[in-house]
């Protein structure tokens, strides 16, 4: 059982690059459970890349990413319902 004080989404130093382009560069994020969180920014800010990492569609190059306490790389199957 998990505590309500644990975040729904957590990243620390998240990095994802495509060739020489760093789409996500050291993102630190902490979203509390039971909240609504929006991701805003200009084109090319890394919004879609971040969501794709968090939904296990792509792997991060480095850093930590957890969804409901599950690591998106080590526990990828547990992160996605179904």
C-alpha atoms as a PDB file:
ATOM      1  CA  UNK A   1       0.000   0.000   0.000  1.00  0.00           C
ATOM      2  CA  UNK A   2       1.287   3.453  -0.875  1.00  0.00           C
ATOM      3  CA  UNK A   3       1.018   6.638   1.124  1.00  0.00           C
ATOM      4  CA  UNK A   4      -0.945   9.643  -0.126  1.00  0.00           C
ATOM      5  CA  UNK A   5       2.196  11.715   0.461  1.00  0.00           C
ATOM      6  CA  UNK A   6       3.902   9.917  -2.430  1.00  0.00           C
ATOM      7  CA  UNK A   7       3.622  11.798  -5.720  1.00  0.00           C
ATOM      8  CA  UNK A   8       1.586  10.659  -8.698  1.00  0.00           C
ATOM      9  CA  UNK A   9       4.435  11.685 -11.011  1.00  0.00           C
ATOM     10  CA  UNK A  10       8.046  12.308 -10.095  1.00  0.00           C
ATOM     11  CA  UNK A  11      11.084  13.060 -12.223  1.00  0.00           C
ATOM     12  CA  UNK A  12      14.611  13.990 -11.212  1.00  0.00           C
ATOM     13  CA  UNK A  13      17.247  15.034 -13.711  1.00  0.00           C
ATOM     14  CA  UNK A  14      15.240  13.579 -16.605  1.00  0.00           C
ATOM     15  CA  UNK A  15      17.106  13.773 -19.924  1.00  0.00           C
ATOM     16  CA  UNK A  16      16.079  12.672 -23.417  1.00  0.00           C
ATOM     17  CA  UNK A  17      17.999  13.538 -26.566  1.00  0.00           C
ATOM     18  CA  UNK A  18      17.443  12.946 -30.262  1.00  0.00           C
ATOM     19  CA  UNK A  19      20.828  13.092 -31.915  1.00  0.00           C
ATOM     20  CA  UNK A  20      22.447  16.371 -30.854  1.00  0.00           C
ATOM     21  CA  UNK A  21      19.105  17.886 -29.785  1.00  0.00           C
ATOM     22  CA  UNK A  22      18.285  17.675 -26.081  1.00  0.00           C
ATOM     23  CA  UNK A  23      14.488  17.608 -25.999  1.00  0.00           C
ATOM     24  CA  UNK A  24      14.345  17.265 -22.191  1.00  0.00           C
ATOM     25  CA  UNK A  25      17.298  18.613 -20.243  1.00  0.00           C
ATOM     26  CA  UNK A  26      17.371  17.753 -16.539  1.00  0.00           C
ATOM     27  CA  UNK A  27      13.658  17.992 -15.719  1.00  0.00           C
ATOM     28  CA  UNK A  28      12.737  17.865 -12.026  1.00  0.00           C
ATOM     29  CA  UNK A  29       8.993  17.447 -11.487  1.00  0.00           C
ATOM     30  CA  UNK A  30       6.808  16.455  -8.520  1.00  0.00           C
ATOM     31  CA  UNK A  31       3.029  16.164  -9.013  1.00  0.00           C
ATOM     32  CA  UNK A  32       0.966  15.326  -5.893  1.00  0.00           C
ATOM     33  CA  UNK A  33      -1.659  12.603  -6.095  1.00  0.00           C
ATOM     34  CA  UNK A  34      -5.223  13.811  -6.498  1.00  0.00           C
ATOM     35  CA  UNK A  35      -4.302  16.980  -8.400  1.00  0.00           C
ATOM     36  CA  UNK A  36      -4.770  18.171 -11.951  1.00  0.00           C
ATOM     37  CA  UNK A  37      -1.533  19.228 -13.616  1.00  0.00           C
ATOM     38  CA  UNK A  38      -1.106  20.987 -16.958  1.00  0.00           C
ATOM     39  CA  UNK A  39       2.021  20.970 -19.109  1.00  0.00           C
ATOM     40  CA  UNK A  40       2.491  24.254 -20.941  1.00  0.00           C
ATOM     41  CA  UNK A  41       5.302  25.704 -22.989  1.00  0.00           C
ATOM     42  CA  UNK A  42       6.347  26.823 -26.448  1.00  0.00           C
ATOM     43  CA  UNK A  43       6.948  24.508 -29.380  1.00  0.00           C
ATOM     44  CA  UNK A  44      10.088  22.467 -28.828  1.00  0.00           C
ATOM     45  CA  UNK A  45      10.031  22.770 -25.034  1.00  0.00           C
ATOM     46  CA  UNK A  46       9.925  18.990 -24.508  1.00  0.00           C
ATOM     47  CA  UNK A  47       6.287  18.591 -23.434  1.00  0.00           C
ATOM     48  CA  UNK A  48       5.426  15.706 -25.729  1.00  0.00           C
ATOM     49  CA  UNK A  49       8.768  13.995 -25.141  1.00  0.00           C
ATOM     50  CA  UNK A  50       8.229  14.169 -21.372  1.00  0.00           C
ATOM     51  CA  UNK A  51       4.736  12.667 -21.658  1.00  0.00           C
ATOM     52  CA  UNK A  52       6.053   9.938 -23.965  1.00  0.00           C
ATOM     53  CA  UNK A  53       8.733   9.042 -21.389  1.00  0.00           C
ATOM     54  CA  UNK A  54       6.193   9.023 -18.548  1.00  0.00           C
ATOM     55  CA  UNK A  55       3.835   6.794 -20.555  1.00  0.00           C
ATOM     56  CA  UNK A  56       6.722   4.383 -21.368  1.00  0.00           C
ATOM     57  CA  UNK A  57       6.554   4.996 -25.125  1.00  0.00           C
ATOM     58  CA  UNK A  58      10.220   6.027 -25.153  1.00  0.00           C
ATOM     59  CA  UNK A  59      13.043   5.509 -22.669  1.00  0.00           C
ATOM     60  CA  UNK A  60      14.879   8.364 -21.009  1.00  0.00           C
ATOM     61  CA  UNK A  61      18.599   8.751 -21.636  1.00  0.00           C
ATOM     62  CA  UNK A  62      19.194   9.431 -17.948  1.00  0.00           C
ATOM     63  CA  UNK A  63      17.497  10.553 -14.776  1.00  0.00           C
ATOM     64  CA  UNK A  64      14.615   9.179 -12.759  1.00  0.00           C
ATOM     65  CA  UNK A  65      10.970   8.997 -13.798  1.00  0.00           C
ATOM     66  CA  UNK A  66       8.246   7.390 -11.684  1.00  0.00           C
ATOM     67  CA  UNK A  67       4.493   7.117 -12.127  1.00  0.00           C
ATOM     68  CA  UNK A  68       2.526   6.085  -9.025  1.00  0.00           C
ATOM     69  CA  UNK A  69       5.806   4.951  -7.473  1.00  0.00           C
ATOM     70  CA  UNK A  70       6.790   2.710 -10.394  1.00  0.00           C
ATOM     71  CA  UNK A  71       9.961   3.374 -12.359  1.00  0.00           C
ATOM     72  CA  UNK A  72       9.090   3.935 -16.033  1.00  0.00           C
ATOM     73  CA  UNK A  73      12.107   1.883 -17.167  1.00  0.00           C
ATOM     74  CA  UNK A  74      12.427  -0.914 -14.591  1.00  0.00           C
ATOM     75  CA  UNK A  75       8.663  -1.303 -14.041  1.00  0.00           C
ATOM     76  CA  UNK A  76       7.352  -0.221 -17.444  1.00  0.00           C
ATOM     77  CA  UNK A  77       4.676  -2.936 -17.566  1.00  0.00           C
ATOM     78  CA  UNK A  78       3.293  -1.809 -14.199  1.00  0.00           C
ATOM     79  CA  UNK A  79       3.083   1.853 -15.294  1.00  0.00           C
ATOM     80  CA  UNK A  80       0.583   1.322 -18.089  1.00  0.00           C
ATOM     81  CA  UNK A  81      -2.880  -0.089 -17.298  1.00  0.00           C
ATOM     82  CA  UNK A  82      -4.210  -2.918 -19.366  1.00  0.00           C
END
